[in-house]
C-alpha atoms as a PDB file:
ATOM      1  CA  UNK A   1       0.154   0.039   0.026  1.00  0.00           C
ATOM      2  CA  UNK A   2       2.880   2.297   0.808  1.00  0.00           C
ATOM      3  CA  UNK A   3       4.210   1.824  -2.571  1.00  0.00           C
ATOM      4  CA  UNK A   4       0.914   3.066  -4.016  1.00  0.00           C
ATOM      5  CA  UNK A   5       1.094   6.021  -1.914  1.00  0.00           C
ATOM      6  CA  UNK A   6       4.585   6.892  -3.135  1.00  0.00           C
ATOM      7  CA  UNK A   7       3.784   6.493  -6.844  1.00  0.00           C
ATOM      8  CA  UNK A   8       0.760   8.885  -6.625  1.00  0.00           C
ATOM      9  CA  UNK A   9       1.751  12.424  -7.267  1.00  0.00           C
ATOM     10  CA  UNK A  10      -1.420  14.277  -6.011  1.00  0.00           C
ATOM     11  CA  UNK A  11      -3.392  13.055  -3.151  1.00  0.00           C
ATOM     12  CA  UNK A  12      -6.142  14.736  -1.019  1.00  0.00           C
ATOM     13  CA  UNK A  13      -4.277  13.796   2.093  1.00  0.00           C
ATOM     14  CA  UNK A  14      -0.690  14.482   3.107  1.00  0.00           C
ATOM     15  CA  UNK A  15       1.374  11.537   2.273  1.00  0.00           C
ATOM     16  CA  UNK A  16       2.963  11.328   5.852  1.00  0.00           C
ATOM     17  CA  UNK A  17      -0.658  11.245   7.002  1.00  0.00           C
ATOM     18  CA  UNK A  18      -1.659   8.430   4.975  1.00  0.00           C
ATOM     19  CA  UNK A  19       1.554   6.435   6.094  1.00  0.00           C
ATOM     20  CA  UNK A  20       0.694   7.129   9.738  1.00  0.00           C
ATOM     21  CA  UNK A  21      -2.876   5.873   9.189  1.00  0.00           C
ATOM     22  CA  UNK A  22      -1.749   2.734   7.391  1.00  0.00           C
ATOM     23  CA  UNK A  23       0.824   1.988  10.332  1.00  0.00           C
ATOM     24  CA  UNK A  24      -1.899   2.470  12.971  1.00  0.00           C
ATOM     25  CA  UNK A  25      -4.243   0.233  11.264  1.00  0.00           C
ATOM     26  CA  UNK A  26      -1.438  -2.325  10.892  1.00  0.00           C
ATOM     27  CA  UNK A  27      -0.814  -2.060  14.582  1.00  0.00           C
ATOM     28  CA  UNK A  28      -4.386  -2.313  15.491  1.00  0.00           C
ATOM     29  CA  UNK A  29      -4.599  -5.655  13.386  1.00  0.00           C
ATOM     30  CA  UNK A  30      -1.471  -7.024  14.786  1.00  0.00           C
ATOM     31  CA  UNK A  31      -2.884  -6.223  18.457  1.00  0.00           C
ATOM     32  CA  UNK A  32      -6.085  -7.923  17.473  1.00  0.00           C
ATOM     33  CA  UNK A  33      -4.341 -11.077  16.340  1.00  0.00           C
ATOM     34  CA  UNK A  34      -1.987 -11.021  19.563  1.00  0.00           C
ATOM     35  CA  UNK A  35      -5.275 -10.873  21.623  1.00  0.00           C
ATOM     36  CA  UNK A  36      -6.743 -13.842  19.784  1.00  0.00           C
ATOM     37  CA  UNK A  37      -3.651 -15.895  20.059  1.00  0.00           C
ATOM     38  CA  UNK A  38      -3.780 -15.259  24.035  1.00  0.00           C
ATOM     39  CA  UNK A  39      -7.344 -16.007  24.317  1.00  0.00           C
ATOM     40  CA  UNK A  40      -6.691 -19.478  22.626  1.00  0.00           C
ATOM     41  CA  UNK A  41      -3.355 -20.061  24.499  1.00  0.00           C
ATOM     42  CA  UNK A  42      -4.685 -19.374  27.863  1.00  0.00           C
ATOM     43  CA  UNK A  43      -7.989 -21.078  27.115  1.00  0.00           C
ATOM     44  CA  UNK A  44     -10.141 -18.351  28.179  1.00  0.00           C
ATOM     45  CA  UNK A  45     -13.761 -19.398  28.179  1.00  0.00           C
ATOM     46  CA  UNK A  46     -15.681 -16.568  29.497  1.00  0.00           C
ATOM     47  CA  UNK A  47     -15.068 -12.953  29.769  1.00  0.00           C
ATOM     48  CA  UNK A  48     -15.976 -10.153  32.691  1.00  0.00           C
ATOM     49  CA  UNK A  49     -18.851  -7.730  31.843  1.00  0.00           C
ATOM     50  CA  UNK A  50     -16.464  -4.755  31.061  1.00  0.00           C
ATOM     51  CA  UNK A  51     -14.459  -6.909  28.492  1.00  0.00           C
ATOM     52  CA  UNK A  52     -17.579  -8.126  26.620  1.00  0.00           C
ATOM     53  CA  UNK A  53     -18.762  -4.418  26.426  1.00  0.00           C
ATOM     54  CA  UNK A  54     -15.437  -3.524  25.192  1.00  0.00           C
ATOM     55  CA  UNK A  55     -15.945  -6.321  22.495  1.00  0.00           C
ATOM     56  CA  UNK A  56     -19.341  -4.813  21.590  1.00  0.00           C
ATOM     57  CA  UNK A  57     -17.672  -1.267  21.351  1.00  0.00           C
ATOM     58  CA  UNK A  58     -15.015  -2.492  18.973  1.00  0.00           C
ATOM     59  CA  UNK A  59     -17.520  -4.108  16.740  1.00  0.00           C
ATOM     60  CA  UNK A  60     -19.356  -0.841  16.581  1.00  0.00           C
ATOM     61  CA  UNK A  61     -15.959   1.118  16.024  1.00  0.00           C
ATOM     62  CA  UNK A  62     -15.181  -1.279  12.901  1.00  0.00           C
ATOM     63  CA  UNK A  63     -18.757  -0.741  11.432  1.00  0.00           C
ATOM     64  CA  UNK A  64     -18.060   3.083  11.666  1.00  0.00           C
ATOM     65  CA  UNK A  65     -14.584   2.858  10.243  1.00  0.00           C
ATOM     66  CA  UNK A  66     -16.343   0.778   7.499  1.00  0.00           C
ATOM     67  CA  UNK A  67     -18.865   3.489   6.827  1.00  0.00           C
ATOM     68  CA  UNK A  68     -16.077   6.266   6.990  1.00  0.00           C
ATOM     69  CA  UNK A  69     -13.445   4.492   4.290  1.00  0.00           C
ATOM     70  CA  UNK A  70     -15.765   5.204   1.245  1.00  0.00           C
ATOM     71  CA  UNK A  71     -16.247   8.794   2.194  1.00  0.00           C
ATOM     72  CA  UNK A  72     -12.524   9.246   2.212  1.00  0.00           C
ATOM     73  CA  UNK A  73     -12.518   8.813  -1.580  1.00  0.00           C
ATOM     74  CA  UNK A  74     -14.209  11.695  -2.635  1.00  0.00           C
ATOM     75  CA  UNK A  75     -14.481  13.836   0.675  1.00  0.00           C
ATOM     76  CA  UNK A  76     -17.784  14.859  -0.802  1.00  0.00           C
ATOM     77  CA  UNK A  77     -19.712  14.334   2.785  1.00  0.00           C
ATOM     78  CA  UNK A  78     -17.322  16.112   5.194  1.00  0.00           C
ATOM     79  CA  UNK A  79     -19.950  16.414   7.806  1.00  0.00           C
ATOM     80  CA  UNK A  80     -20.690  12.787   7.823  1.00  0.00           C
ATOM     81  CA  UNK A  81     -17.062  11.920   8.026  1.00  0.00           C
ATOM     82  CA  UNK A  82     -16.640  14.569  10.973  1.00  0.00           C
ATOM     83  CA  UNK A  83     -19.714  13.072  12.805  1.00  0.00           C
ATOM     84  CA  UNK A  84     -18.310   9.424  12.307  1.00  0.00           C
ATOM     85  CA  UNK A  85     -15.026  10.715  13.642  1.00  0.00           C
ATOM     86  CA  UNK A  86     -16.531  12.345  16.603  1.00  0.00           C
ATOM     87  CA  UNK A  87     -18.465   9.091  17.463  1.00  0.00           C
ATOM     88  CA  UNK A  88     -15.111   7.083  17.255  1.00  0.00           C
ATOM     89  CA  UNK A  89     -13.436   9.367  19.420  1.00  0.00           C
ATOM     90  CA  UNK A  90     -16.055   9.024  21.996  1.00  0.00           C
ATOM     91  CA  UNK A  91     -16.324   5.224  21.805  1.00  0.00           C
ATOM     92  CA  UNK A  92     -12.500   5.154  21.931  1.00  0.00           C
ATOM     93  CA  UNK A  93     -12.985   7.028  25.286  1.00  0.00           C
ATOM     94  CA  UNK A  94     -15.302   4.564  26.644  1.00  0.00           C
ATOM     95  CA  UNK A  95     -13.260   1.619  25.800  1.00  0.00           C
ATOM     96  CA  UNK A  96     -10.221   3.285  27.536  1.00  0.00           C
ATOM     97  CA  UNK A  97     -12.428   3.789  30.752  1.00  0.00           C
ATOM     98  CA  UNK A  98     -13.338   0.060  30.618  1.00  0.00           C
ATOM     99  CA  UNK A  99      -9.787  -0.793  30.207  1.00  0.00           C
ATOM    100  CA  UNK A 100      -8.838   1.133  33.102  1.00  0.00           C
ATOM    101  CA  UNK A 101     -11.609  -0.471  35.129  1.00  0.00           C
ATOM    102  CA  UNK A 102     -10.520  -3.967  34.098  1.00  0.00           C
ATOM    103  CA  UNK A 103      -6.985  -3.380  35.126  1.00  0.00           C
ATOM    104  CA  UNK A 104      -7.965  -2.044  38.544  1.00  0.00           C
ATOM    105  CA  UNK A 105     -10.224  -5.110  39.079  1.00  0.00           C
ATOM    106  CA  UNK A 106      -7.430  -7.482  38.214  1.00  0.00           C
ATOM    107  CA  UNK A 107      -5.029  -5.636  40.318  1.00  0.00           C
ATOM    108  CA  UNK A 108      -7.294  -5.627  43.309  1.00  0.00           C
ATOM    109  CA  UNK A 109      -8.247  -9.323  42.888  1.00  0.00           C
ATOM    110  CA  UNK A 110      -4.566 -10.393  42.852  1.00  0.00           C
ATOM    111  CA  UNK A 111      -3.405  -7.794  45.334  1.00  0.00           C
ATOM    112  CA  UNK A 112      -5.796  -9.665  47.856  1.00  0.00           C
ATOM    113  CA  UNK A 113      -4.557 -12.994  46.745  1.00  0.00           C
ATOM    114  CA  UNK A 114      -0.728 -12.127  47.063  1.00  0.00           C
ATOM    115  CA  UNK A 115      -1.272 -10.471  50.391  1.00  0.00           C
ATOM    116  CA  UNK A 116      -2.738 -13.805  51.657  1.00  0.00           C
ATOM    117  CA  UNK A 117       0.182 -15.768  50.292  1.00  0.00           C
ATOM    118  CA  UNK A 118       2.938 -13.232  51.865  1.00  0.00           C
ATOM    119  CA  UNK A 119       1.107 -13.444  55.150  1.00  0.00           C
ATOM    120  CA  UNK A 120       1.231 -17.206  55.115  1.00  0.00           C
ATOM    121  CA  UNK A 121       4.812 -17.268  54.078  1.00  0.00           C
ATOM    122  CA  UNK A 122       5.642 -14.981  56.974  1.00  0.00           C
ATOM    123  CA  UNK A 123       3.578 -17.417  59.274  1.00  0.00           C
ATOM    124  CA  UNK A 124       5.578 -20.369  58.245  1.00  0.00           C
ATOM    125  CA  UNK A 125       8.805 -18.651  58.365  1.00  0.00           C
ATOM    126  CA  UNK A 126       8.173 -17.682  61.672  1.00  0.00           C
ATOM    127  CA  UNK A 127       7.215 -21.270  62.657  1.00  0.00           C
ATOM    128  CA  UNK A 128      10.471 -22.696  61.125  1.00  0.00           C
ATOM    129  CA  UNK A 129       8.445 -24.498  58.443  1.00  0.00           C
ATOM    130  CA  UNK A 130       9.542 -24.859  54.783  1.00  0.00           C
ATOM    131  CA  UNK A 131       7.943 -22.259  52.231  1.00  0.00           C
ATOM    132  CA  UNK A 132       8.720 -24.383  49.349  1.00  0.00           C
ATOM    133  CA  UNK A 133       5.002 -25.899  48.777  1.00  0.00           C
ATOM    134  CA  UNK A 134       3.684 -22.176  48.928  1.00  0.00           C
ATOM    135  CA  UNK A 135       6.245 -21.279  46.270  1.00  0.00           C
ATOM    136  CA  UNK A 136       5.108 -24.028  43.891  1.00  0.00           C
ATOM    137  CA  UNK A 137       1.341 -23.311  44.554  1.00  0.00           C
ATOM    138  CA  UNK A 138       2.165 -19.559  43.634  1.00  0.00           C
ATOM    139  CA  UNK A 139       4.004 -20.406  40.565  1.00  0.00           C
ATOM    140  CA  UNK A 140       1.149 -22.644  39.338  1.00  0.00           C
ATOM    141  CA  UNK A 141      -1.676 -20.121  40.210  1.00  0.00           C
ATOM    142  CA  UNK A 142       0.199 -17.393  38.271  1.00  0.00           C
ATOM    143  CA  UNK A 143      -0.439 -19.409  35.154  1.00  0.00           C
ATOM    144  CA  UNK A 144      -4.108 -20.262  35.879  1.00  0.00           C
ATOM    145  CA  UNK A 145      -6.354 -17.864  33.740  1.00  0.00           C
END
């Protein structure tokens, strides 16, 4: 695609902007593929509600991009393209909020679990018992989804 951009002498967009758009789209597709691989690799069978909402919003964003791309060929309907862009920006903000909520929930969930392990290790060390079974359990649990 970049070769086609270089061969074109006159474009309605700056070549740098086109290159940045192509790169961003490629990065987004790469991230989607990595996410799908992780879901399969870790055998994820269910998703928390914020994750499901994010998925729905991403599908909605993809639909909006699908509507916007043909409009970019002639730039005839700038108001529609602007409206789509504004909606995408709003949806992106909601996805960012959901991402933050998910990270916080994940941190809090595992923080509580880790505090319990550390407290148990301290108790074991104070009593003179071995911490090896606890360490093996913690390593095993780190890989369970």
